[in-house]
Amino acid sequence: MRTGTAKGTAVVWVESLRLQCCGDPFSVGAQVEWYLLPAEPGDRAWLGEILDRRTLAGITHRQEHHAGSQEPEAVAGTVRRIRVVRCRYAEVRGSAPRALRPVPESTELAEASHVHGWESSAEGAQVVGYLVDLETPD
């Protein structure tokens, strides 16, 4: 993997399952080094089912723990803000095997000072991931 530095503030999508699998807990003010990929149309299509257009447009990167067709860049920075993203899911009628889709307009964003990947669900809304403002060196 390449190592480098982005400049300014990145808004990073961190998937909850990846944090549970391979990530480390983090908090506001923490210094981290994450492997990032730029947010791409495929990411935006999926996230567009969960997030409103304005929030979606602000995402610049996604955190990556596994090698794939693209090589992530190691980026060091300071966590400045964390928003926990929760949404409700409903079964897709007639799907076989059973499939679930996000319920439109059910997304909730909640500020957090610390996350570990196992945050509780609230009133039927499941944690999907985190939006993290990551300040990187100029």
C-alpha atoms as a PDB file:
ATOM      1  CA  MET A   1       0.000   0.000   0.000  1.00  0.00           C
ATOM      2  CA  ARG A   2       1.148   3.495  -0.750  1.00  0.00           C
ATOM      3  CA  THR A   3       1.802   6.003   2.012  1.00  0.00           C
ATOM      4  CA  GLY A   4       1.027   9.657   1.606  1.00  0.00           C
ATOM      5  CA  THR A   5      -0.826  12.577   3.044  1.00  0.00           C
ATOM      6  CA  ALA A   6      -4.021  14.199   1.966  1.00  0.00           C
ATOM      7  CA  LYS A   7      -4.421  17.864   2.801  1.00  0.00           C
ATOM      8  CA  GLY A   8      -7.245  19.562   4.696  1.00  0.00           C
ATOM      9  CA  THR A   9     -10.256  17.720   6.044  1.00  0.00           C
ATOM     10  CA  ALA A  10     -11.530  14.461   4.614  1.00  0.00           C
ATOM     11  CA  VAL A  11     -15.028  13.193   5.356  1.00  0.00           C
ATOM     12  CA  VAL A  12     -14.531   9.452   5.636  1.00  0.00           C
ATOM     13  CA  TRP A  13     -17.162   6.700   5.481  1.00  0.00           C
ATOM     14  CA  VAL A  14     -16.261   3.926   7.963  1.00  0.00           C
ATOM     15  CA  GLU A  15     -18.469   0.859   7.594  1.00  0.00           C
ATOM     16  CA  SER A  16     -19.533  -0.600  10.951  1.00  0.00           C
ATOM     17  CA  LEU A  17     -18.883  -4.213   9.901  1.00  0.00           C
ATOM     18  CA  ARG A  18     -15.329  -3.364   8.868  1.00  0.00           C
ATOM     19  CA  LEU A  19     -14.692  -1.600  12.151  1.00  0.00           C
ATOM     20  CA  GLN A  20     -15.986  -4.683  13.986  1.00  0.00           C
ATOM     21  CA  CYS A  21     -13.864  -7.021  11.845  1.00  0.00           C
ATOM     22  CA  CYS A  22     -10.555  -5.275  11.450  1.00  0.00           C
ATOM     23  CA  GLY A  23     -10.631  -1.827  12.978  1.00  0.00           C
ATOM     24  CA  ASP A  24      -9.643  -0.231  16.235  1.00  0.00           C
ATOM     25  CA  PRO A  25     -11.914   1.954  18.382  1.00  0.00           C
ATOM     26  CA  PHE A  26     -11.315   5.670  17.915  1.00  0.00           C
ATOM     27  CA  SER A  27     -12.435   8.954  19.443  1.00  0.00           C
ATOM     28  CA  VAL A  28     -12.616  12.651  18.701  1.00  0.00           C
ATOM     29  CA  GLY A  29      -9.116  14.091  19.080  1.00  0.00           C
ATOM     30  CA  ALA A  30      -7.392  10.764  18.357  1.00  0.00           C
ATOM     31  CA  GLN A  31      -4.433  10.583  16.009  1.00  0.00           C
ATOM     32  CA  VAL A  32      -5.051   7.792  13.488  1.00  0.00           C
ATOM     33  CA  GLU A  33      -3.489   6.352  10.366  1.00  0.00           C
ATOM     34  CA  TRP A  34      -6.098   4.836   8.085  1.00  0.00           C
ATOM     35  CA  TYR A  35      -6.017   3.330   4.613  1.00  0.00           C
ATOM     36  CA  LEU A  36      -8.332   5.403   2.450  1.00  0.00           C
ATOM     37  CA  LEU A  37      -9.768   5.256  -1.038  1.00  0.00           C
ATOM     38  CA  PRO A  38     -11.583   8.115  -2.746  1.00  0.00           C
ATOM     39  CA  ALA A  39     -15.372   7.791  -2.610  1.00  0.00           C
ATOM     40  CA  GLU A  40     -16.493   6.477  -6.009  1.00  0.00           C
ATOM     41  CA  PRO A  41     -19.820   6.286  -7.870  1.00  0.00           C
ATOM     42  CA  GLY A  42     -20.439   2.710  -6.647  1.00  0.00           C
ATOM     43  CA  ASP A  43     -19.968   3.827  -3.037  1.00  0.00           C
ATOM     44  CA  ARG A  44     -22.267   6.783  -3.596  1.00  0.00           C
ATOM     45  CA  ALA A  45     -24.980   4.629  -5.197  1.00  0.00           C
ATOM     46  CA  TRP A  46     -25.171   2.350  -2.171  1.00  0.00           C
ATOM     47  CA  LEU A  47     -24.816   5.146   0.377  1.00  0.00           C
ATOM     48  CA  GLY A  48     -27.446   7.135  -1.540  1.00  0.00           C
ATOM     49  CA  GLU A  49     -30.030   4.645  -0.298  1.00  0.00           C
ATOM     50  CA  ILE A  50     -29.159   5.639   3.266  1.00  0.00           C
ATOM     51  CA  LEU A  51     -27.946   9.248   3.268  1.00  0.00           C
ATOM     52  CA  ASP A  52     -29.534  12.441   1.989  1.00  0.00           C
ATOM     53  CA  ARG A  53     -27.926  14.091  -1.045  1.00  0.00           C
ATOM     54  CA  ARG A  54     -26.235  16.859   0.904  1.00  0.00           C
ATOM     55  CA  THR A  55     -24.589  14.483   3.380  1.00  0.00           C
ATOM     56  CA  LEU A  56     -23.642  12.083   0.589  1.00  0.00           C
ATOM     57  CA  ALA A  57     -22.033  14.872  -1.456  1.00  0.00           C
ATOM     58  CA  GLY A  58     -19.720  15.711   1.463  1.00  0.00           C
ATOM     59  CA  ILE A  59     -18.106  12.251   1.644  1.00  0.00           C
ATOM     60  CA  THR A  60     -14.622  12.361   0.157  1.00  0.00           C
ATOM     61  CA  HIS A  61     -13.168   8.961   1.121  1.00  0.00           C
ATOM     62  CA  ARG A  62     -13.944   5.532   2.494  1.00  0.00           C
ATOM     63  CA  GLN A  63     -11.806   3.556   4.889  1.00  0.00           C
ATOM     64  CA  GLU A  64     -10.468   0.274   3.504  1.00  0.00           C
ATOM     65  CA  HIS A  65      -8.991  -2.647   5.451  1.00  0.00           C
ATOM     66  CA  HIS A  66      -8.612  -5.191   2.672  1.00  0.00           C
ATOM     67  CA  ALA A  67      -6.624  -5.122  -0.541  1.00  0.00           C
ATOM     68  CA  GLY A  68      -8.672  -5.004  -3.710  1.00  0.00           C
ATOM     69  CA  SER A  69      -8.322  -3.785  -7.250  1.00  0.00           C
ATOM     70  CA  GLN A  70      -7.324  -0.320  -5.998  1.00  0.00           C
ATOM     71  CA  GLU A  71      -4.438   0.310  -3.655  1.00  0.00           C
ATOM     72  CA  PRO A  72      -5.502   2.383  -0.615  1.00  0.00           C
ATOM     73  CA  GLU A  73      -3.345   5.257   0.576  1.00  0.00           C
ATOM     74  CA  ALA A  74      -2.186   5.434   4.201  1.00  0.00           C
ATOM     75  CA  VAL A  75      -3.364   8.773   5.560  1.00  0.00           C
ATOM     76  CA  ALA A  76      -2.517  10.129   9.009  1.00  0.00           C
ATOM     77  CA  GLY A  77      -4.755  12.647  10.702  1.00  0.00           C
ATOM     78  CA  THR A  78      -6.754  13.757  13.702  1.00  0.00           C
ATOM     79  CA  VAL A  79     -10.379  12.739  14.204  1.00  0.00           C
ATOM     80  CA  ARG A  80     -12.369  15.966  14.581  1.00  0.00           C
ATOM     81  CA  ARG A  81     -15.971  14.718  14.404  1.00  0.00           C
ATOM     82  CA  ILE A  82     -17.815  11.393  14.483  1.00  0.00           C
ATOM     83  CA  ARG A  83     -21.418  10.831  13.416  1.00  0.00           C
ATOM     84  CA  VAL A  84     -22.994   7.407  13.964  1.00  0.00           C
ATOM     85  CA  VAL A  85     -25.271   6.499  11.027  1.00  0.00           C
ATOM     86  CA  ARG A  86     -28.309   4.352  11.810  1.00  0.00           C
ATOM     87  CA  CYS A  87     -31.199   3.327   9.559  1.00  0.00           C
ATOM     88  CA  ARG A  88     -34.096   0.926   9.480  1.00  0.00           C
ATOM     89  CA  TYR A  89     -34.332  -1.993   7.074  1.00  0.00           C
ATOM     90  CA  ALA A  90     -37.344  -3.742   5.584  1.00  0.00           C
ATOM     91  CA  GLU A  91     -37.667  -6.998   3.681  1.00  0.00           C
ATOM     92  CA  VAL A  92     -37.925  -6.734  -0.101  1.00  0.00           C
ATOM     93  CA  ARG A  93     -41.237  -8.311  -1.041  1.00  0.00           C
ATOM     94  CA  GLY A  94     -40.939 -11.497  -3.047  1.00  0.00           C
ATOM     95  CA  SER A  95     -37.159 -11.686  -2.742  1.00  0.00           C
ATOM     96  CA  ALA A  96     -35.599 -15.128  -2.652  1.00  0.00           C
ATOM     97  CA  PRO A  97     -33.362 -15.471  -0.820  1.00  0.00           C
ATOM     98  CA  ARG A  98     -34.664 -12.966   1.689  1.00  0.00           C
ATOM     99  CA  ALA A  99     -33.250  -9.498   1.040  1.00  0.00           C
ATOM    100  CA  LEU A 100     -33.346  -6.337   3.121  1.00  0.00           C
ATOM    101  CA  ARG A 101     -33.221  -2.725   1.896  1.00  0.00           C
ATOM    102  CA  PRO A 102     -32.916   0.541   3.785  1.00  0.00           C
ATOM    103  CA  VAL A 103     -36.257   2.179   4.522  1.00  0.00           C
ATOM    104  CA  PRO A 104     -36.327   5.589   2.795  1.00  0.00           C
ATOM    105  CA  GLU A 105     -35.957   8.564   5.110  1.00  0.00           C
ATOM    106  CA  SER A 106     -35.305   6.385   8.174  1.00  0.00           C
ATOM    107  CA  THR A 107     -31.679   7.448   8.623  1.00  0.00           C
ATOM    108  CA  GLU A 108     -30.551   9.001  11.882  1.00  0.00           C
ATOM    109  CA  LEU A 109     -27.187  10.706  12.463  1.00  0.00           C
ATOM    110  CA  ALA A 110     -25.958  11.015  16.035  1.00  0.00           C
ATOM    111  CA  GLU A 111     -22.835  12.779  17.238  1.00  0.00           C
ATOM    112  CA  ALA A 112     -20.424  10.584  19.187  1.00  0.00           C
ATOM    113  CA  SER A 113     -17.178  11.214  21.033  1.00  0.00           C
ATOM    114  CA  HIS A 114     -15.962   7.595  20.830  1.00  0.00           C
ATOM    115  CA  VAL A 115     -16.921   4.537  18.734  1.00  0.00           C
ATOM    116  CA  HIS A 116     -15.917   0.874  18.791  1.00  0.00           C
ATOM    117  CA  GLY A 117     -18.088  -0.786  16.137  1.00  0.00           C
ATOM    118  CA  TRP A 118     -20.598  -2.295  18.512  1.00  0.00           C
ATOM    119  CA  GLU A 119     -22.790   0.727  19.252  1.00  0.00           C
ATOM    120  CA  SER A 120     -26.364  -0.164  20.100  1.00  0.00           C
ATOM    121  CA  SER A 121     -29.239   0.091  17.715  1.00  0.00           C
ATOM    122  CA  ALA A 122     -32.052   2.449  18.642  1.00  0.00           C
ATOM    123  CA  GLU A 123     -35.770   1.835  18.179  1.00  0.00           C
ATOM    124  CA  GLY A 124     -35.288  -0.563  15.280  1.00  0.00           C
ATOM    125  CA  ALA A 125     -32.612   1.512  13.532  1.00  0.00           C
ATOM    126  CA  GLN A 126     -29.360  -0.408  12.999  1.00  0.00           C
ATOM    127  CA  VAL A 127     -25.858   1.068  12.983  1.00  0.00           C
ATOM    128  CA  VAL A 128     -24.603   1.054   9.403  1.00  0.00           C
ATOM    129  CA  GLY A 129     -21.422   3.072   9.760  1.00  0.00           C
ATOM    130  CA  TYR A 130     -19.781   6.318  10.729  1.00  0.00           C
ATOM    131  CA  LEU A 131     -19.062   9.633   9.078  1.00  0.00           C
ATOM    132  CA  VAL A 132     -15.719  10.874  10.346  1.00  0.00           C
ATOM    133  CA  ASP A 133     -14.199  14.297   9.785  1.00  0.00           C
ATOM    134  CA  LEU A 134     -10.473  13.586   9.574  1.00  0.00           C
ATOM    135  CA  GLU A 135      -8.152  16.591   9.682  1.00  0.00           C
ATOM    136  CA  THR A 136      -4.965  15.901   7.758  1.00  0.00           C
ATOM    137  CA  PRO A 137      -1.675  17.829   7.676  1.00  0.00           C
ATOM    138  CA  ASP A 138      -1.377  20.810   5.346  1.00  0.00           C
END
